[in-house]
């Protein structure tokens, strides 16, 4: 994972509430990139609508997994880490 460095994270006012999602999928994309689709699934309609699509380098999935595990209390008993997680420098081109 990239260096842990303090940096400012700007959150625009129109994104402070976030977007609700109750389903997601992980899709391979071109080369070493992966798409993460966050969706709202309707049981009644048997349909999921994508509310956010994020494209990341595949090496970034491990830090994402580690942060989620920490937030869930899975692993070495680590507390959730609010610092910015970044992929290795060589993948940020």
PDB file of N, CA and C in Angstrom:
ATOM      1  N   UNK A   1       0.860  -1.168   0.000  1.00  0.00           N
ATOM      2  CA  UNK A   1       0.000   0.000   0.000  1.00  0.00           C
ATOM      3  C   UNK A   1       0.895   1.216   0.000  1.00  0.00           C
ATOM      4  N   UNK A   2       0.417   2.302  -0.549  1.00  0.00           N
ATOM      5  CA  UNK A   2       1.170   3.535  -0.601  1.00  0.00           C
ATOM      6  C   UNK A   2       1.461   4.071   0.777  1.00  0.00           C
ATOM      7  N   UNK A   3       2.355   5.041   0.832  1.00  0.00           N
ATOM      8  CA  UNK A   3       2.715   5.639   2.107  1.00  0.00           C
ATOM      9  C   UNK A   3       1.505   6.255   2.773  1.00  0.00           C
ATOM     10  N   UNK A   4       1.485   6.142   4.112  1.00  0.00           N
ATOM     11  CA  UNK A   4       0.446   6.828   4.878  1.00  0.00           C
ATOM     12  C   UNK A   4       0.941   8.248   5.097  1.00  0.00           C
ATOM     13  N   UNK A   5       0.310   9.186   4.483  1.00  0.00           N
ATOM     14  CA  UNK A   5       0.659  10.584   4.638  1.00  0.00           C
ATOM     15  C   UNK A   5      -0.617  11.337   4.936  1.00  0.00           C
ATOM     16  N   UNK A   6      -0.499  12.282   5.848  1.00  0.00           N
ATOM     17  CA  UNK A   6      -1.656  13.118   6.112  1.00  0.00           C
ATOM     18  C   UNK A   6      -1.883  14.018   4.912  1.00  0.00           C
ATOM     19  N   UNK A   7      -3.101  14.105   4.483  1.00  0.00           N
ATOM     20  CA  UNK A   7      -3.445  15.030   3.421  1.00  0.00           C
ATOM     21  C   UNK A   7      -4.885  15.441   3.619  1.00  0.00           C
ATOM     22  N   UNK A   8      -5.217  16.583   3.085  1.00  0.00           N
ATOM     23  CA  UNK A   8      -6.591  17.052   3.169  1.00  0.00           C
ATOM     24  C   UNK A   8      -7.439  16.257   2.185  1.00  0.00           C
ATOM     25  N   UNK A   9      -8.627  15.913   2.618  1.00  0.00           N
ATOM     26  CA  UNK A   9      -9.583  15.236   1.747  1.00  0.00           C
ATOM     27  C   UNK A   9     -10.781  16.157   1.619  1.00  0.00           C
ATOM     28  N   UNK A  10     -11.042  16.618   0.409  1.00  0.00           N
ATOM     29  CA  UNK A  10     -12.159  17.533   0.153  1.00  0.00           C
ATOM     30  C   UNK A  10     -13.419  16.716  -0.111  1.00  0.00           C
ATOM     31  N   UNK A  11     -14.488  17.049   0.589  1.00  0.00           N
ATOM     32  CA  UNK A  11     -15.775  16.395   0.390  1.00  0.00           C
ATOM     33  C   UNK A  11     -16.787  17.466  -0.003  1.00  0.00           C
ATOM     34  N   UNK A  12     -17.165  17.515  -1.294  1.00  0.00           N
ATOM     35  CA  UNK A  12     -18.123  18.530  -1.742  1.00  0.00           C
ATOM     36  C   UNK A  12     -19.444  18.416  -0.991  1.00  0.00           C
ATOM     37  N   UNK A  13     -20.093  19.527  -0.794  1.00  0.00           N
ATOM     38  CA  UNK A  13     -21.348  19.575  -0.035  1.00  0.00           C
ATOM     39  C   UNK A  13     -22.397  18.627  -0.608  1.00  0.00           C
ATOM     40  N   UNK A  14     -22.441  18.490  -1.931  1.00  0.00           N
ATOM     41  CA  UNK A  14     -23.466  17.632  -2.543  1.00  0.00           C
ATOM     42  C   UNK A  14     -23.168  16.141  -2.392  1.00  0.00           C
ATOM     43  N   UNK A  15     -22.032  15.784  -1.772  1.00  0.00           N
ATOM     44  CA  UNK A  15     -21.698  14.371  -1.570  1.00  0.00           C
ATOM     45  C   UNK A  15     -21.608  13.990  -0.094  1.00  0.00           C
ATOM     46  N   UNK A  16     -21.875  14.931   0.801  1.00  0.00           N
ATOM     47  CA  UNK A  16     -21.705  14.660   2.230  1.00  0.00           C
ATOM     48  C   UNK A  16     -22.625  13.578   2.750  1.00  0.00           C
ATOM     49  N   UNK A  17     -23.812  13.469   2.221  1.00  0.00           N
ATOM     50  CA  UNK A  17     -24.753  12.456   2.682  1.00  0.00           C
ATOM     51  C   UNK A  17     -24.378  11.081   2.145  1.00  0.00           C
ATOM     52  N   UNK A  18     -23.777  11.027   0.986  1.00  0.00           N
ATOM     53  CA  UNK A  18     -23.436   9.761   0.367  1.00  0.00           C
ATOM     54  C   UNK A  18     -24.573   9.230  -0.475  1.00  0.00           C
ATOM     55  N   UNK A  19     -24.356   8.077  -1.051  1.00  0.00           N
ATOM     56  CA  UNK A  19     -25.347   7.418  -1.894  1.00  0.00           C
ATOM     57  C   UNK A  19     -25.643   6.060  -1.272  1.00  0.00           C
ATOM     58  N   UNK A  20     -26.907   5.732  -1.119  1.00  0.00           N
ATOM     59  CA  UNK A  20     -27.299   4.451  -0.554  1.00  0.00           C
ATOM     60  C   UNK A  20     -27.047   3.334  -1.562  1.00  0.00           C
ATOM     61  N   UNK A  21     -26.499   2.224  -1.071  1.00  0.00           N
ATOM     62  CA  UNK A  21     -26.342   1.015  -1.884  1.00  0.00           C
ATOM     63  C   UNK A  21     -26.597  -0.188  -0.990  1.00  0.00           C
ATOM     64  N   UNK A  22     -27.229  -1.206  -1.542  1.00  0.00           N
ATOM     65  CA  UNK A  22     -27.457  -2.429  -0.781  1.00  0.00           C
ATOM     66  C   UNK A  22     -26.930  -3.659  -1.527  1.00  0.00           C
ATOM     67  N   UNK A  23     -26.175  -3.420  -2.601  1.00  0.00           N
ATOM     68  CA  UNK A  23     -25.584  -4.504  -3.375  1.00  0.00           C
ATOM     69  C   UNK A  23     -24.354  -3.959  -4.104  1.00  0.00           C
ATOM     70  N   UNK A  24     -23.453  -4.850  -4.465  1.00  0.00           N
ATOM     71  CA  UNK A  24     -22.303  -4.424  -5.269  1.00  0.00           C
ATOM     72  C   UNK A  24     -21.812  -5.594  -6.098  1.00  0.00           C
ATOM     73  N   UNK A  25     -21.006  -5.254  -7.088  1.00  0.00           N
ATOM     74  CA  UNK A  25     -20.355  -6.283  -7.894  1.00  0.00           C
ATOM     75  C   UNK A  25     -18.963  -5.801  -8.259  1.00  0.00           C
ATOM     76  N   UNK A  26     -18.098  -6.749  -8.570  1.00  0.00           N
ATOM     77  CA  UNK A  26     -16.720  -6.476  -8.957  1.00  0.00           C
ATOM     78  C   UNK A  26     -16.539  -7.040 -10.352  1.00  0.00           C
ATOM     79  N   UNK A  27     -16.130  -6.177 -11.274  1.00  0.00           N
ATOM     80  CA  UNK A  27     -15.996  -6.582 -12.678  1.00  0.00           C
ATOM     81  C   UNK A  27     -14.584  -6.315 -13.180  1.00  0.00           C
ATOM     82  N   UNK A  28     -14.003  -7.253 -13.914  1.00  0.00           N
ATOM     83  CA  UNK A  28     -12.718  -6.959 -14.550  1.00  0.00           C
ATOM     84  C   UNK A  28     -12.928  -5.932 -15.656  1.00  0.00           C
ATOM     85  N   UNK A  29     -11.949  -5.066 -15.825  1.00  0.00           N
ATOM     86  CA  UNK A  29     -11.998  -4.089 -16.907  1.00  0.00           C
ATOM     87  C   UNK A  29     -10.726  -4.262 -17.717  1.00  0.00           C
ATOM     88  N   UNK A  30     -10.313  -3.237 -18.394  1.00  0.00           N
ATOM     89  CA  UNK A  30      -9.143  -3.345 -19.254  1.00  0.00           C
ATOM     90  C   UNK A  30      -7.854  -3.439 -18.429  1.00  0.00           C
ATOM     91  N   UNK A  31      -6.957  -4.278 -18.868  1.00  0.00           N
ATOM     92  CA  UNK A  31      -5.653  -4.388 -18.237  1.00  0.00           C
ATOM     93  C   UNK A  31      -5.728  -4.777 -16.776  1.00  0.00           C
ATOM     94  N   UNK A  32      -5.138  -3.943 -15.930  1.00  0.00           N
ATOM     95  CA  UNK A  32      -5.061  -4.218 -14.508  1.00  0.00           C
ATOM     96  C   UNK A  32      -6.114  -3.467 -13.710  1.00  0.00           C
ATOM     97  N   UNK A  33      -7.154  -2.996 -14.371  1.00  0.00           N
ATOM     98  CA  UNK A  33      -8.176  -2.222 -13.675  1.00  0.00           C
ATOM     99  C   UNK A  33      -9.423  -3.062 -13.405  1.00  0.00           C
ATOM    100  N   UNK A  34     -10.075  -2.719 -12.301  1.00  0.00           N
ATOM    101  CA  UNK A  34     -11.277  -3.411 -11.847  1.00  0.00           C
ATOM    102  C   UNK A  34     -12.371  -2.361 -11.662  1.00  0.00           C
ATOM    103  N   UNK A  35     -13.604  -2.718 -11.998  1.00  0.00           N
ATOM    104  CA  UNK A  35     -14.744  -1.838 -11.747  1.00  0.00           C
ATOM    105  C   UNK A  35     -15.493  -2.327 -10.517  1.00  0.00           C
ATOM    106  N   UNK A  36     -15.804  -1.399  -9.610  1.00  0.00           N
ATOM    107  CA  UNK A  36     -16.636  -1.680  -8.455  1.00  0.00           C
ATOM    108  C   UNK A  36     -17.951  -0.957  -8.674  1.00  0.00           C
ATOM    109  N   UNK A  37     -19.010  -1.710  -8.859  1.00  0.00           N
ATOM    110  CA  UNK A  37     -20.340  -1.129  -9.035  1.00  0.00           C
ATOM    111  C   UNK A  37     -21.105  -1.241  -7.725  1.00  0.00           C
ATOM    112  N   UNK A  38     -21.552  -0.121  -7.205  1.00  0.00           N
ATOM    113  CA  UNK A  38     -22.414  -0.094  -6.032  1.00  0.00           C
ATOM    114  C   UNK A  38     -23.828   0.143  -6.541  1.00  0.00           C
ATOM    115  N   UNK A  39     -24.760  -0.687  -6.077  1.00  0.00           N
ATOM    116  CA  UNK A  39     -26.098  -0.729  -6.659  1.00  0.00           C
ATOM    117  C   UNK A  39     -27.188  -0.653  -5.600  1.00  0.00           C
ATOM    118  N   UNK A  40     -28.392  -0.311  -6.061  1.00  0.00           N
ATOM    119  CA  UNK A  40     -29.605  -0.449  -5.265  1.00  0.00           C
ATOM    120  C   UNK A  40     -30.401  -1.573  -5.915  1.00  0.00           C
ATOM    121  N   UNK A  41     -30.570  -2.653  -5.151  1.00  0.00           N
ATOM    122  CA  UNK A  41     -31.290  -3.819  -5.653  1.00  0.00           C
ATOM    123  C   UNK A  41     -32.727  -3.780  -5.162  1.00  0.00           C
ATOM    124  N   UNK A  42     -33.657  -4.006  -6.072  1.00  0.00           N
ATOM    125  CA  UNK A  42     -35.084  -4.091  -5.741  1.00  0.00           C
ATOM    126  C   UNK A  42     -35.520  -5.540  -5.858  1.00  0.00           C
ATOM    127  N   UNK A  43     -35.904  -6.119  -4.730  1.00  0.00           N
ATOM    128  CA  UNK A  43     -36.406  -7.493  -4.727  1.00  0.00           C
ATOM    129  C   UNK A  43     -37.680  -7.589  -5.565  1.00  0.00           C
ATOM    130  N   UNK A  44     -38.542  -6.587  -5.434  1.00  0.00           N
ATOM    131  CA  UNK A  44     -39.811  -6.575  -6.151  1.00  0.00           C
ATOM    132  C   UNK A  44     -39.599  -6.571  -7.668  1.00  0.00           C
ATOM    133  N   UNK A  45     -38.694  -5.721  -8.134  1.00  0.00           N
ATOM    134  CA  UNK A  45     -38.443  -5.604  -9.578  1.00  0.00           C
ATOM    135  C   UNK A  45     -37.394  -6.591 -10.081  1.00  0.00           C
ATOM    136  N   UNK A  46     -36.693  -7.256  -9.155  1.00  0.00           N
ATOM    137  CA  UNK A  46     -35.602  -8.157  -9.526  1.00  0.00           C
ATOM    138  C   UNK A  46     -34.609  -7.441 -10.449  1.00  0.00           C
ATOM    139  N   UNK A  47     -34.221  -6.254 -10.020  1.00  0.00           N
ATOM    140  CA  UNK A  47     -33.313  -5.423 -10.813  1.00  0.00           C
ATOM    141  C   UNK A  47     -32.409  -4.645  -9.879  1.00  0.00           C
ATOM    142  N   UNK A  48     -31.181  -4.414 -10.311  1.00  0.00           N
ATOM    143  CA  UNK A  48     -30.245  -3.572  -9.576  1.00  0.00           C
ATOM    144  C   UNK A  48     -29.855  -2.387 -10.450  1.00  0.00           C
ATOM    145  N   UNK A  49     -29.908  -1.205  -9.878  1.00  0.00           N
ATOM    146  CA  UNK A  49     -29.475   0.003 -10.573  1.00  0.00           C
ATOM    147  C   UNK A  49     -28.134   0.450  -9.999  1.00  0.00           C
ATOM    148  N   UNK A  50     -27.167   0.692 -10.868  1.00  0.00           N
ATOM    149  CA  UNK A  50     -25.850   1.167 -10.432  1.00  0.00           C
ATOM    150  C   UNK A  50     -25.978   2.618  -9.993  1.00  0.00           C
ATOM    151  N   UNK A  51     -25.564   2.909  -8.757  1.00  0.00           N
ATOM    152  CA  UNK A  51     -25.607   4.281  -8.242  1.00  0.00           C
ATOM    153  C   UNK A  51     -24.217   4.901  -8.198  1.00  0.00           C
ATOM    154  N   UNK A  52     -23.182   4.063  -8.249  1.00  0.00           N
ATOM    155  CA  UNK A  52     -21.806   4.567  -8.306  1.00  0.00           C
ATOM    156  C   UNK A  52     -20.919   3.499  -8.927  1.00  0.00           C
ATOM    157  N   UNK A  53     -20.060   3.915  -9.833  1.00  0.00           N
ATOM    158  CA  UNK A  53     -19.079   3.019 -10.443  1.00  0.00           C
ATOM    159  C   UNK A  53     -17.702   3.593 -10.175  1.00  0.00           C
ATOM    160  N   UNK A  54     -16.851   2.761  -9.586  1.00  0.00           N
ATOM    161  CA  UNK A  54     -15.498   3.177  -9.237  1.00  0.00           C
ATOM    162  C   UNK A  54     -14.520   2.292  -9.999  1.00  0.00           C
ATOM    163  N   UNK A  55     -13.538   2.905 -10.643  1.00  0.00           N
ATOM    164  CA  UNK A  55     -12.506   2.160 -11.374  1.00  0.00           C
ATOM    165  C   UNK A  55     -11.215   2.246 -10.559  1.00  0.00           C
ATOM    166  N   UNK A  56     -10.656   1.085 -10.210  1.00  0.00           N
ATOM    167  CA  UNK A  56      -9.423   1.051  -9.421  1.00  0.00           C
ATOM    168  C   UNK A  56      -8.441   0.072 -10.037  1.00  0.00           C
ATOM    169  N   UNK A  57      -7.163   0.263  -9.715  1.00  0.00           N
ATOM    170  CA  UNK A  57      -6.148  -0.706 -10.097  1.00  0.00           C
ATOM    171  C   UNK A  57      -6.346  -1.944  -9.223  1.00  0.00           C
ATOM    172  N   UNK A  58      -6.137  -3.118  -9.764  1.00  0.00           N
ATOM    173  CA  UNK A  58      -6.399  -4.346  -9.012  1.00  0.00           C
ATOM    174  C   UNK A  58      -5.593  -4.420  -7.721  1.00  0.00           C
ATOM    175  N   UNK A  59      -4.415  -3.800  -7.672  1.00  0.00           N
ATOM    176  CA  UNK A  59      -3.612  -3.802  -6.450  1.00  0.00           C
ATOM    177  C   UNK A  59      -4.252  -2.987  -5.335  1.00  0.00           C
ATOM    178  N   UNK A  60      -5.206  -2.146  -5.665  1.00  0.00           N
ATOM    179  CA  UNK A  60      -5.882  -1.325  -4.660  1.00  0.00           C
ATOM    180  C   UNK A  60      -6.950  -2.117  -3.910  1.00  0.00           C
ATOM    181  N   UNK A  61      -7.359  -3.269  -4.437  1.00  0.00           N
ATOM    182  CA  UNK A  61      -8.384  -4.064  -3.775  1.00  0.00           C
ATOM    183  C   UNK A  61      -7.916  -4.626  -2.433  1.00  0.00           C
ATOM    184  N   UNK A  62      -6.631  -4.933  -2.300  1.00  0.00           N
ATOM    185  CA  UNK A  62      -6.124  -5.449  -1.027  1.00  0.00           C
ATOM    186  C   UNK A  62      -6.221  -4.405   0.089  1.00  0.00           C
ATOM    187  N   UNK A  63      -5.784  -3.152  -0.132  1.00  0.00           N
ATOM    188  CA  UNK A  63      -5.984  -2.162   0.932  1.00  0.00           C
ATOM    189  C   UNK A  63      -7.459  -1.914   1.239  1.00  0.00           C
ATOM    190  N   UNK A  64      -8.315  -1.971   0.229  1.00  0.00           N
ATOM    191  CA  UNK A  64      -9.751  -1.802   0.460  1.00  0.00           C
ATOM    192  C   UNK A  64     -10.254  -2.946   1.338  1.00  0.00           C
ATOM    193  N   UNK A  65      -9.887  -4.160   0.992  1.00  0.00           N
ATOM    194  CA  UNK A  65     -10.286  -5.323   1.796  1.00  0.00           C
ATOM    195  C   UNK A  65      -9.798  -5.200   3.235  1.00  0.00           C
ATOM    196  N   UNK A  66      -8.548  -4.793   3.409  1.00  0.00           N
ATOM    197  CA  UNK A  66      -7.983  -4.672   4.749  1.00  0.00           C
ATOM    198  C   UNK A  66      -8.728  -3.630   5.580  1.00  0.00           C
ATOM    199  N   UNK A  67      -9.083  -2.506   4.964  1.00  0.00           N
ATOM    200  CA  UNK A  67      -9.825  -1.467   5.689  1.00  0.00           C
ATOM    201  C   UNK A  67     -11.222  -1.943   6.063  1.00  0.00           C
ATOM    202  N   UNK A  68     -11.874  -2.654   5.159  1.00  0.00           N
ATOM    203  CA  UNK A  68     -13.212  -3.183   5.457  1.00  0.00           C
ATOM    204  C   UNK A  68     -13.123  -4.206   6.586  1.00  0.00           C
ATOM    205  N   UNK A  69     -12.138  -5.097   6.523  1.00  0.00           N
ATOM    206  CA  UNK A  69     -11.965  -6.077   7.594  1.00  0.00           C
ATOM    207  C   UNK A  69     -11.725  -5.391   8.939  1.00  0.00           C
ATOM    208  N   UNK A  70     -10.904  -4.353   8.956  1.00  0.00           N
ATOM    209  CA  UNK A  70     -10.645  -3.628  10.200  1.00  0.00           C
ATOM    210  C   UNK A  70     -11.920  -2.973  10.715  1.00  0.00           C
ATOM    211  N   UNK A  71     -12.702  -2.407   9.821  1.00  0.00           N
ATOM    212  CA  UNK A  71     -13.963  -1.763  10.230  1.00  0.00           C
ATOM    213  C   UNK A  71     -14.941  -2.782  10.805  1.00  0.00           C
ATOM    214  N   UNK A  72     -14.868  -4.023  10.329  1.00  0.00           N
ATOM    215  CA  UNK A  72     -15.745  -5.080  10.820  1.00  0.00           C
ATOM    216  C   UNK A  72     -15.159  -5.810  12.028  1.00  0.00           C
ATOM    217  N   UNK A  73     -13.940  -5.445  12.401  1.00  0.00           N
ATOM    218  CA  UNK A  73     -13.298  -6.112  13.530  1.00  0.00           C
ATOM    219  C   UNK A  73     -12.733  -7.468  13.181  1.00  0.00           C
ATOM    220  N   UNK A  74     -12.468  -7.701  11.906  1.00  0.00           N
ATOM    221  CA  UNK A  74     -11.914  -8.973  11.447  1.00  0.00           C
ATOM    222  C   UNK A  74     -10.406  -8.820  11.326  1.00  0.00           C
ATOM    223  N   UNK A  75      -9.680  -9.768  11.822  1.00  0.00           N
ATOM    224  CA  UNK A  75      -8.226  -9.717  11.690  1.00  0.00           C
ATOM    225  C   UNK A  75      -7.546  -9.563  13.033  1.00  0.00           C
ATOM    226  N   UNK A  76      -6.523  -8.730  13.076  1.00  0.00           N
ATOM    227  CA  UNK A  76      -5.687  -8.596  14.256  1.00  0.00           C
ATOM    228  C   UNK A  76      -6.262  -7.653  15.303  1.00  0.00           C
ATOM    229  N   UNK A  77      -7.558  -7.440  15.309  1.00  0.00           N
ATOM    230  CA  UNK A  77      -8.157  -6.576  16.310  1.00  0.00           C
ATOM    231  C   UNK A  77      -7.842  -5.110  16.094  1.00  0.00           C
ATOM    232  N   UNK A  78      -7.542  -4.740  14.875  1.00  0.00           N
ATOM    233  CA  UNK A  78      -7.225  -3.355  14.568  1.00  0.00           C
ATOM    234  C   UNK A  78      -8.491  -2.514  14.575  1.00  0.00           C
ATOM    235  N   UNK A  79      -8.329  -1.282  15.014  1.00  0.00           N
ATOM    236  CA  UNK A  79      -9.430  -0.329  14.923  1.00  0.00           C
ATOM    237  C   UNK A  79      -9.501   0.180  13.491  1.00  0.00           C
ATOM    238  N   UNK A  80     -10.669   0.605  13.039  1.00  0.00           N
ATOM    239  CA  UNK A  80     -10.775   1.182  11.695  1.00  0.00           C
ATOM    240  C   UNK A  80      -9.805   2.345  11.533  1.00  0.00           C
ATOM    241  N   UNK A  81      -9.168   2.416  10.397  1.00  0.00           N
ATOM    242  CA  UNK A  81      -8.170   3.448  10.110  1.00  0.00           C
ATOM    243  C   UNK A  81      -8.792   4.512   9.221  1.00  0.00           C
ATOM    244  N   UNK A  82      -8.975   5.731   9.747  1.00  0.00           N
ATOM    245  CA  UNK A  82      -9.608   6.775   8.944  1.00  0.00           C
ATOM    246  C   UNK A  82      -8.662   7.475   7.968  1.00  0.00           C
ATOM    247  N   UNK A  83      -7.356   7.146   8.002  1.00  0.00           N
ATOM    248  CA  UNK A  83      -6.435   7.813   7.082  1.00  0.00           C
ATOM    249  C   UNK A  83      -6.699   7.358   5.659  1.00  0.00           C
ATOM    250  N   UNK A  84      -6.183   8.110   4.729  1.00  0.00           N
ATOM    251  CA  UNK A  84      -6.411   7.848   3.307  1.00  0.00           C
ATOM    252  C   UNK A  84      -5.613   6.624   2.865  1.00  0.00           C
ATOM    253  N   UNK A  85      -6.287   5.622   2.345  1.00  0.00           N
ATOM    254  CA  UNK A  85      -5.619   4.437   1.803  1.00  0.00           C
ATOM    255  C   UNK A  85      -5.343   4.684   0.331  1.00  0.00           C
ATOM    256  N   UNK A  86      -4.133   4.367  -0.079  1.00  0.00           N
ATOM    257  CA  UNK A  86      -3.762   4.567  -1.482  1.00  0.00           C
ATOM    258  C   UNK A  86      -3.078   3.333  -2.019  1.00  0.00           C
ATOM    259  N   UNK A  87      -3.201   3.096  -3.314  1.00  0.00           N
ATOM    260  CA  UNK A  87      -2.498   1.960  -3.912  1.00  0.00           C
ATOM    261  C   UNK A  87      -1.004   2.261  -3.989  1.00  0.00           C
ATOM    262  N   UNK A  88      -0.201   1.231  -4.251  1.00  0.00           N
ATOM    263  CA  UNK A  88       1.242   1.461  -4.415  1.00  0.00           C
ATOM    264  C   UNK A  88       1.506   2.518  -5.485  1.00  0.00           C
ATOM    265  N   UNK A  89       2.564   3.289  -5.288  1.00  0.00           N
ATOM    266  CA  UNK A  89       2.900   4.394  -6.198  1.00  0.00           C
ATOM    267  C   UNK A  89       2.984   3.954  -7.657  1.00  0.00           C
ATOM    268  N   UNK A  90       3.547   2.763  -7.914  1.00  0.00           N
ATOM    269  CA  UNK A  90       3.742   2.328  -9.307  1.00  0.00           C
ATOM    270  C   UNK A  90       2.423   2.099 -10.035  1.00  0.00           C
ATOM    271  N   UNK A  91       1.306   2.015  -9.314  1.00  0.00           N
ATOM    272  CA  UNK A  91       0.028   1.778  -9.965  1.00  0.00           C
ATOM    273  C   UNK A  91      -0.787   3.063 -10.128  1.00  0.00           C
ATOM    274  N   UNK A  92      -0.233   4.193  -9.755  1.00  0.00           N
ATOM    275  CA  UNK A  92      -0.993   5.446  -9.766  1.00  0.00           C
ATOM    276  C   UNK A  92      -0.725   6.296 -10.989  1.00  0.00           C
ATOM    277  N   UNK A  93      -0.290   5.701 -12.071  1.00  0.00           N
ATOM    278  CA  UNK A  93      -0.002   6.456 -13.296  1.00  0.00           C
ATOM    279  C   UNK A  93      -1.214   6.680 -14.132  1.00  0.00           C
TER     280      UNK A  93
END
